N, C-alpha and C. Protein backbone atom coordinates (compact mmCIF):
# COMPACT_ATOMS: atom_id res chain seq x y z
N MET A 1 -21.81 -61.24 171.03
CA MET A 1 -21.50 -62.18 172.06
C MET A 1 -22.83 -62.30 172.94
N ASN A 2 -23.25 -63.54 172.96
CA ASN A 2 -24.44 -63.81 173.80
C ASN A 2 -24.11 -63.99 175.22
N LYS A 3 -25.04 -64.18 176.02
CA LYS A 3 -24.87 -64.28 177.52
C LYS A 3 -24.06 -65.45 177.94
N VAL A 4 -24.17 -66.56 177.25
CA VAL A 4 -23.40 -67.76 177.53
C VAL A 4 -21.93 -67.56 177.30
N GLU A 5 -21.56 -67.00 176.17
CA GLU A 5 -20.13 -66.67 175.87
C GLU A 5 -19.60 -65.62 176.80
N LEU A 6 -20.37 -64.63 177.17
CA LEU A 6 -19.97 -63.67 178.10
C LEU A 6 -19.73 -64.28 179.44
N PHE A 7 -20.54 -65.16 179.83
CA PHE A 7 -20.40 -65.89 181.19
C PHE A 7 -19.11 -66.68 181.10
N HIS A 8 -18.86 -67.42 180.00
CA HIS A 8 -17.59 -68.20 179.98
C HIS A 8 -16.31 -67.34 179.92
N ALA A 9 -16.42 -66.17 179.28
CA ALA A 9 -15.29 -65.26 179.27
C ALA A 9 -15.00 -64.71 180.66
N VAL A 10 -16.02 -64.34 181.38
CA VAL A 10 -15.86 -63.84 182.78
C VAL A 10 -15.37 -64.89 183.63
N ALA A 11 -15.86 -66.17 183.49
CA ALA A 11 -15.38 -67.29 184.35
C ALA A 11 -14.02 -67.61 184.11
N GLN A 12 -13.46 -67.46 182.90
CA GLN A 12 -12.04 -67.70 182.61
C GLN A 12 -11.21 -66.71 183.23
N ILE A 13 -11.64 -65.40 183.26
CA ILE A 13 -10.91 -64.36 183.90
C ILE A 13 -10.80 -64.64 185.44
N PHE A 14 -11.94 -65.00 186.01
CA PHE A 14 -11.94 -65.35 187.37
C PHE A 14 -11.08 -66.68 187.76
N GLN A 15 -11.05 -67.56 186.79
CA GLN A 15 -10.31 -68.78 187.03
C GLN A 15 -8.83 -68.47 187.09
N LEU A 16 -8.40 -67.49 186.39
CA LEU A 16 -6.97 -67.07 186.40
C LEU A 16 -6.73 -66.15 187.54
N ALA A 17 -7.67 -65.14 187.77
CA ALA A 17 -7.34 -64.13 188.72
C ALA A 17 -7.62 -64.49 190.13
N GLY A 18 -8.50 -65.50 190.38
CA GLY A 18 -8.81 -65.87 191.74
C GLY A 18 -7.62 -66.35 192.47
N PRO A 19 -6.97 -67.46 191.99
CA PRO A 19 -5.83 -67.92 192.70
C PRO A 19 -4.63 -66.94 192.72
N LEU A 20 -4.47 -66.21 191.60
CA LEU A 20 -3.32 -65.26 191.49
C LEU A 20 -3.53 -64.14 192.55
N VAL A 21 -4.74 -63.57 192.63
CA VAL A 21 -4.99 -62.50 193.60
C VAL A 21 -4.88 -62.98 195.11
N SER A 22 -5.47 -64.16 195.30
CA SER A 22 -5.48 -64.67 196.68
C SER A 22 -3.98 -65.06 197.08
N GLY A 23 -3.23 -65.54 196.12
CA GLY A 23 -1.81 -65.74 196.41
C GLY A 23 -1.05 -64.49 196.59
N GLY A 24 -1.36 -63.48 195.86
CA GLY A 24 -0.73 -62.13 196.05
C GLY A 24 -1.01 -61.55 197.29
N ILE A 25 -2.29 -61.63 197.73
CA ILE A 25 -2.72 -61.04 199.05
C ILE A 25 -2.00 -61.71 200.17
N LEU A 26 -1.89 -63.10 200.10
CA LEU A 26 -1.24 -63.86 201.14
C LEU A 26 0.32 -63.60 201.11
N GLY A 27 0.86 -63.35 199.90
CA GLY A 27 2.26 -63.03 199.86
C GLY A 27 2.59 -61.66 200.49
N LEU A 28 1.69 -60.69 200.22
CA LEU A 28 1.84 -59.35 200.89
C LEU A 28 1.70 -59.47 202.40
N LEU A 29 0.82 -60.28 202.90
CA LEU A 29 0.67 -60.58 204.27
C LEU A 29 1.92 -61.16 204.91
N HIS A 30 2.47 -62.10 204.11
CA HIS A 30 3.68 -62.74 204.55
C HIS A 30 4.84 -61.77 204.61
N LYS A 31 4.86 -60.92 203.63
CA LYS A 31 5.97 -59.94 203.64
C LYS A 31 5.81 -58.91 204.76
N LYS A 32 4.60 -58.59 205.08
CA LYS A 32 4.33 -57.58 206.11
C LYS A 32 4.55 -58.06 207.58
N TYR A 33 4.16 -59.38 207.80
CA TYR A 33 4.14 -59.83 209.14
C TYR A 33 5.21 -60.99 209.47
N ALA A 34 5.46 -61.85 208.50
CA ALA A 34 6.39 -62.93 208.74
C ALA A 34 7.83 -62.54 208.39
N LEU A 35 8.07 -61.75 207.45
CA LEU A 35 9.44 -61.36 207.01
C LEU A 35 10.15 -60.63 208.10
N PRO A 36 9.51 -59.67 208.79
CA PRO A 36 10.24 -58.98 209.93
C PRO A 36 10.65 -60.01 211.01
N LYS A 37 9.71 -60.95 211.26
CA LYS A 37 10.12 -61.94 212.28
C LYS A 37 11.28 -62.87 211.83
N MET A 38 11.27 -63.21 210.48
CA MET A 38 12.36 -64.00 209.98
C MET A 38 13.68 -63.19 209.99
N THR A 39 13.58 -61.90 209.66
CA THR A 39 14.82 -61.08 209.72
C THR A 39 15.30 -60.96 211.17
N GLU A 40 14.42 -60.81 212.12
CA GLU A 40 14.84 -60.82 213.53
C GLU A 40 15.45 -62.12 213.98
N PHE A 41 14.88 -63.19 213.52
CA PHE A 41 15.40 -64.55 213.87
C PHE A 41 16.71 -64.81 213.28
N LEU A 42 16.98 -64.40 212.05
CA LEU A 42 18.27 -64.63 211.33
C LEU A 42 19.38 -63.75 211.80
N GLN A 43 19.01 -62.65 212.34
CA GLN A 43 20.06 -61.65 212.84
C GLN A 43 21.10 -61.31 211.86
N GLU A 44 22.31 -61.72 212.02
CA GLU A 44 23.34 -61.30 211.11
C GLU A 44 23.33 -61.97 209.77
N ARG A 45 22.56 -63.03 209.65
CA ARG A 45 22.39 -63.63 208.30
C ARG A 45 21.12 -63.19 207.59
N ALA A 46 20.56 -62.14 208.06
CA ALA A 46 19.27 -61.68 207.43
C ALA A 46 19.55 -61.10 206.06
N TRP A 47 20.71 -60.66 205.73
CA TRP A 47 21.07 -60.16 204.44
C TRP A 47 20.87 -61.24 203.37
N LEU A 48 20.79 -62.47 203.69
CA LEU A 48 20.66 -63.55 202.76
C LEU A 48 19.25 -63.54 202.17
N LEU A 49 18.25 -63.03 202.90
CA LEU A 49 16.87 -62.90 202.42
C LEU A 49 16.81 -61.92 201.26
N TYR A 50 17.73 -60.90 201.26
CA TYR A 50 17.61 -59.84 200.23
C TYR A 50 18.83 -59.93 199.26
N SER A 51 19.52 -61.09 199.23
CA SER A 51 20.70 -61.19 198.42
C SER A 51 20.29 -61.34 196.92
N PRO A 52 21.20 -61.00 196.12
CA PRO A 52 20.90 -61.15 194.62
C PRO A 52 20.52 -62.57 194.21
N LEU A 53 21.16 -63.54 194.83
CA LEU A 53 20.92 -64.95 194.58
C LEU A 53 19.46 -65.23 194.95
N ASN A 54 19.03 -64.81 195.99
CA ASN A 54 17.66 -65.12 196.48
C ASN A 54 16.65 -64.47 195.50
N VAL A 55 16.93 -63.24 195.06
CA VAL A 55 16.04 -62.56 194.10
C VAL A 55 16.02 -63.30 192.75
N ALA A 56 17.21 -63.75 192.33
CA ALA A 56 17.33 -64.60 191.09
C ALA A 56 16.52 -65.88 191.27
N MET A 57 16.62 -66.52 192.34
CA MET A 57 15.92 -67.82 192.60
C MET A 57 14.37 -67.53 192.62
N ASN A 58 13.99 -66.43 193.20
CA ASN A 58 12.52 -66.07 193.19
C ASN A 58 12.02 -65.83 191.74
N ILE A 59 12.86 -65.19 190.95
CA ILE A 59 12.47 -64.97 189.52
C ILE A 59 12.37 -66.40 188.84
N VAL A 60 13.30 -67.24 189.01
CA VAL A 60 13.26 -68.54 188.48
C VAL A 60 11.99 -69.30 188.90
N PHE A 61 11.66 -69.25 190.19
CA PHE A 61 10.45 -69.88 190.73
C PHE A 61 9.26 -69.31 190.13
N ILE A 62 9.18 -68.00 189.87
CA ILE A 62 7.99 -67.38 189.33
C ILE A 62 7.81 -67.89 187.76
N LEU A 63 8.96 -67.91 187.12
CA LEU A 63 8.94 -68.39 185.76
C LEU A 63 8.51 -69.85 185.63
N VAL A 64 9.01 -70.67 186.50
CA VAL A 64 8.59 -72.10 186.53
C VAL A 64 7.09 -72.30 186.79
N THR A 65 6.60 -71.51 187.80
CA THR A 65 5.21 -71.67 188.20
C THR A 65 4.28 -71.06 187.05
N LEU A 66 4.74 -70.09 186.36
CA LEU A 66 4.05 -69.57 185.16
C LEU A 66 4.02 -70.58 184.08
N GLY A 67 5.14 -71.24 183.86
CA GLY A 67 5.24 -72.29 182.81
C GLY A 67 4.26 -73.44 183.07
N VAL A 68 4.20 -73.92 184.45
CA VAL A 68 3.28 -74.99 184.74
C VAL A 68 1.84 -74.45 184.60
N ALA A 69 1.61 -73.22 184.89
CA ALA A 69 0.19 -72.71 184.77
C ALA A 69 -0.21 -72.59 183.28
N VAL A 70 0.72 -72.28 182.46
CA VAL A 70 0.45 -72.23 181.04
C VAL A 70 0.21 -73.65 180.44
N ALA A 71 1.02 -74.50 180.82
CA ALA A 71 0.88 -75.90 180.33
C ALA A 71 -0.33 -76.63 180.83
N SER A 72 -0.79 -76.28 182.04
CA SER A 72 -1.94 -76.88 182.61
C SER A 72 -3.22 -76.12 182.43
N HIS A 73 -3.25 -74.97 181.77
CA HIS A 73 -4.47 -74.25 181.62
C HIS A 73 -5.41 -75.05 180.68
N GLU A 74 -6.70 -74.83 180.86
CA GLU A 74 -7.62 -75.65 180.08
C GLU A 74 -7.53 -75.43 178.56
N SER A 75 -7.01 -74.33 178.13
CA SER A 75 -6.82 -74.19 176.64
C SER A 75 -5.63 -75.04 176.15
N ASN A 76 -4.74 -75.48 177.01
CA ASN A 76 -3.61 -76.27 176.61
C ASN A 76 -3.67 -77.73 177.11
N VAL A 77 -4.76 -78.09 177.64
CA VAL A 77 -4.89 -79.48 178.25
C VAL A 77 -4.64 -80.54 177.20
N ALA A 78 -5.26 -80.38 176.04
CA ALA A 78 -5.06 -81.43 174.96
C ALA A 78 -3.66 -81.55 174.60
N ALA A 79 -2.91 -80.43 174.35
CA ALA A 79 -1.55 -80.54 174.01
C ALA A 79 -0.67 -81.16 175.07
N THR A 80 -1.00 -80.78 176.33
CA THR A 80 -0.15 -81.24 177.44
C THR A 80 -0.46 -82.77 177.61
N LEU A 81 -1.68 -83.24 177.47
CA LEU A 81 -1.93 -84.65 177.54
C LEU A 81 -1.35 -85.37 176.42
N ALA A 82 -1.33 -84.83 175.24
CA ALA A 82 -0.65 -85.52 174.06
C ALA A 82 0.85 -85.62 174.30
N TRP A 83 1.44 -84.55 174.87
CA TRP A 83 2.86 -84.66 175.07
C TRP A 83 3.20 -85.71 176.17
N ALA A 84 2.37 -85.73 177.20
CA ALA A 84 2.54 -86.70 178.27
C ALA A 84 2.34 -88.17 177.76
N ALA A 85 1.39 -88.32 176.81
CA ALA A 85 1.26 -89.69 176.23
C ALA A 85 2.42 -90.05 175.30
N ALA A 86 3.05 -89.02 174.67
CA ALA A 86 4.16 -89.35 173.83
C ALA A 86 5.46 -89.63 174.63
N HIS A 87 5.54 -89.02 175.81
CA HIS A 87 6.77 -89.22 176.75
C HIS A 87 6.30 -89.80 178.07
N PRO A 88 5.89 -91.09 178.11
CA PRO A 88 5.32 -91.62 179.37
C PRO A 88 6.42 -91.84 180.42
N SER A 89 7.68 -91.97 180.10
CA SER A 89 8.73 -92.08 181.05
C SER A 89 9.05 -90.77 181.80
N ALA A 90 8.60 -89.58 181.23
CA ALA A 90 8.90 -88.31 181.80
C ALA A 90 8.11 -87.96 182.99
N MET A 91 6.88 -88.69 183.08
CA MET A 91 5.95 -88.34 184.12
C MET A 91 5.83 -89.46 185.20
N PRO A 92 5.98 -89.16 186.49
CA PRO A 92 5.87 -90.19 187.50
C PRO A 92 4.47 -90.65 187.72
N VAL A 93 3.51 -89.87 187.34
CA VAL A 93 2.02 -90.23 187.47
C VAL A 93 1.42 -89.94 186.10
N ALA A 94 0.26 -90.70 185.89
CA ALA A 94 -0.49 -90.38 184.68
C ALA A 94 -1.31 -89.13 184.80
N LEU A 95 -1.19 -88.24 183.88
CA LEU A 95 -1.88 -86.98 183.85
C LEU A 95 -3.34 -87.20 183.49
N SER A 96 -4.19 -86.40 184.05
CA SER A 96 -5.59 -86.33 183.69
C SER A 96 -6.00 -84.89 183.58
N PRO A 97 -7.15 -84.61 183.05
CA PRO A 97 -7.58 -83.15 183.01
C PRO A 97 -7.79 -82.59 184.43
N GLU A 98 -8.28 -83.40 185.35
CA GLU A 98 -8.55 -82.91 186.71
C GLU A 98 -7.15 -82.66 187.43
N LEU A 99 -6.17 -83.44 187.23
CA LEU A 99 -4.85 -83.18 187.84
C LEU A 99 -4.26 -82.01 187.22
N LEU A 100 -4.47 -81.74 185.89
CA LEU A 100 -3.91 -80.52 185.30
C LEU A 100 -4.65 -79.30 185.88
N ARG A 101 -5.95 -79.42 186.10
CA ARG A 101 -6.69 -78.25 186.73
C ARG A 101 -6.13 -77.96 188.11
N ILE A 102 -5.89 -78.96 188.91
CA ILE A 102 -5.32 -78.76 190.16
C ILE A 102 -3.91 -78.09 190.09
N ALA A 103 -3.11 -78.57 189.18
CA ALA A 103 -1.81 -78.04 188.98
C ALA A 103 -1.88 -76.53 188.54
N PHE A 104 -2.95 -76.21 187.67
CA PHE A 104 -3.09 -74.88 187.25
C PHE A 104 -3.44 -73.94 188.47
N TYR A 105 -4.37 -74.37 189.28
CA TYR A 105 -4.73 -73.53 190.53
C TYR A 105 -3.54 -73.35 191.43
N ALA A 106 -2.86 -74.55 191.71
CA ALA A 106 -1.68 -74.40 192.66
C ALA A 106 -0.62 -73.58 192.07
N SER A 107 -0.25 -73.70 190.85
CA SER A 107 0.89 -72.92 190.31
C SER A 107 0.53 -71.48 190.25
N THR A 108 -0.73 -71.13 189.84
CA THR A 108 -1.23 -69.78 189.81
C THR A 108 -1.14 -69.14 191.17
N PHE A 109 -1.63 -69.85 192.21
CA PHE A 109 -1.55 -69.42 193.57
C PHE A 109 -0.12 -69.15 194.01
N LEU A 110 0.81 -70.09 193.77
CA LEU A 110 2.12 -70.02 194.22
C LEU A 110 2.84 -68.81 193.42
N CYS A 111 2.48 -68.68 192.23
CA CYS A 111 3.09 -67.49 191.45
C CYS A 111 2.64 -66.13 192.10
N GLY A 112 1.38 -66.13 192.41
CA GLY A 112 0.90 -64.79 193.08
C GLY A 112 1.56 -64.64 194.48
N HIS A 113 1.67 -65.67 195.23
CA HIS A 113 2.33 -65.56 196.51
C HIS A 113 3.84 -65.08 196.36
N ALA A 114 4.49 -65.75 195.37
CA ALA A 114 5.94 -65.29 195.13
C ALA A 114 6.00 -63.86 194.70
N LEU A 115 5.08 -63.42 193.86
CA LEU A 115 5.08 -62.06 193.50
C LEU A 115 4.79 -61.08 194.61
N GLY A 116 3.84 -61.51 195.48
CA GLY A 116 3.41 -60.62 196.57
C GLY A 116 4.57 -60.56 197.66
N ALA A 117 5.27 -61.66 197.86
CA ALA A 117 6.36 -61.69 198.85
C ALA A 117 7.73 -61.50 198.24
N PHE A 118 7.75 -60.96 197.05
CA PHE A 118 9.10 -60.73 196.40
C PHE A 118 9.98 -59.91 197.25
N PRO A 119 11.20 -60.36 197.47
CA PRO A 119 12.07 -59.53 198.39
C PRO A 119 12.58 -58.26 197.72
N THR A 120 12.34 -57.22 198.46
CA THR A 120 12.74 -55.85 198.04
C THR A 120 13.85 -55.42 198.98
N GLU A 121 14.10 -54.17 199.01
CA GLU A 121 15.11 -53.68 199.98
C GLU A 121 14.66 -53.88 201.42
N PRO A 122 15.61 -54.23 202.31
CA PRO A 122 15.27 -54.44 203.70
C PRO A 122 14.75 -53.15 204.37
N PRO A 123 13.89 -53.22 205.31
CA PRO A 123 13.35 -52.05 205.97
C PRO A 123 14.37 -51.11 206.58
N GLU A 124 15.45 -51.73 207.05
CA GLU A 124 16.52 -50.93 207.68
C GLU A 124 17.83 -51.46 207.11
N PRO A 125 18.86 -50.62 207.01
CA PRO A 125 20.20 -51.08 206.48
C PRO A 125 20.74 -52.23 207.24
N MET A 126 21.20 -53.23 206.51
CA MET A 126 21.82 -54.41 207.11
C MET A 126 23.30 -54.50 206.72
N GLU A 127 24.09 -54.92 207.58
CA GLU A 127 25.53 -55.14 207.26
C GLU A 127 25.78 -56.55 206.96
N ARG A 128 26.73 -56.81 206.04
CA ARG A 128 27.13 -58.19 205.81
C ARG A 128 28.26 -58.41 206.96
N THR A 129 28.07 -59.26 207.84
CA THR A 129 29.00 -59.46 208.82
C THR A 129 30.08 -60.51 208.44
N ALA A 130 29.82 -61.27 207.41
CA ALA A 130 30.80 -62.24 206.92
C ALA A 130 30.68 -62.24 205.40
N ALA A 131 31.80 -62.56 204.78
CA ALA A 131 31.90 -62.59 203.33
C ALA A 131 30.99 -63.79 202.86
N SER A 132 31.05 -64.91 203.65
CA SER A 132 30.21 -66.02 203.31
C SER A 132 29.93 -66.82 204.59
N PRO A 133 28.87 -67.60 204.59
CA PRO A 133 28.60 -68.39 205.81
C PRO A 133 29.72 -69.35 206.14
N LEU A 134 30.39 -69.81 205.17
CA LEU A 134 31.56 -70.74 205.43
C LEU A 134 32.65 -70.02 206.12
N GLY A 135 32.90 -68.77 205.67
CA GLY A 135 33.93 -67.96 206.24
C GLY A 135 33.58 -67.61 207.68
N ALA A 136 32.41 -67.39 208.03
CA ALA A 136 31.93 -67.01 209.38
C ALA A 136 32.15 -68.24 210.33
N ARG A 137 31.86 -69.48 209.77
CA ARG A 137 32.07 -70.66 210.63
C ARG A 137 33.53 -70.95 210.76
N ALA A 138 34.33 -70.72 209.74
CA ALA A 138 35.70 -70.94 209.85
C ALA A 138 36.38 -70.00 210.91
N LYS A 139 35.93 -68.75 210.93
CA LYS A 139 36.51 -67.82 211.91
C LYS A 139 36.04 -68.10 213.32
N GLY A 140 34.79 -68.60 213.48
CA GLY A 140 34.28 -68.90 214.81
C GLY A 140 34.91 -70.15 215.38
N SER A 141 35.37 -71.06 214.46
CA SER A 141 35.90 -72.34 214.98
C SER A 141 37.33 -72.25 215.42
N SER A 142 38.09 -71.18 214.92
CA SER A 142 39.50 -71.09 215.29
C SER A 142 39.68 -70.49 216.62
């Protein structure tokens, strides 16, 4: 492996790791500083932040952003552009390599942020004050 190939290999690692790590760091900061304020603000509805549905939706979000990152990575640009040319009605805008590069960086960053801010157990035990938000409103209105 000569110096040019080594440089390209290292550049590809940083191309993936840069947005992923910066998103992860920002997600951890979000979890450390913003999540306690959100929990305090939501009060009795704070359990929704840690509900199984929220965890499942975060997993779906991570999988979707990973799918976009894979489809828009520079090794798959030709296949993605060929698919977009074969299905012109599926895309609201015309895809270009530059747009796919932007989509790759954005989706990798958002995936890192979602992984860093992934909801775990709440810092202190929370009680479910209502079986559902609709049930809480119905009880309060009577």
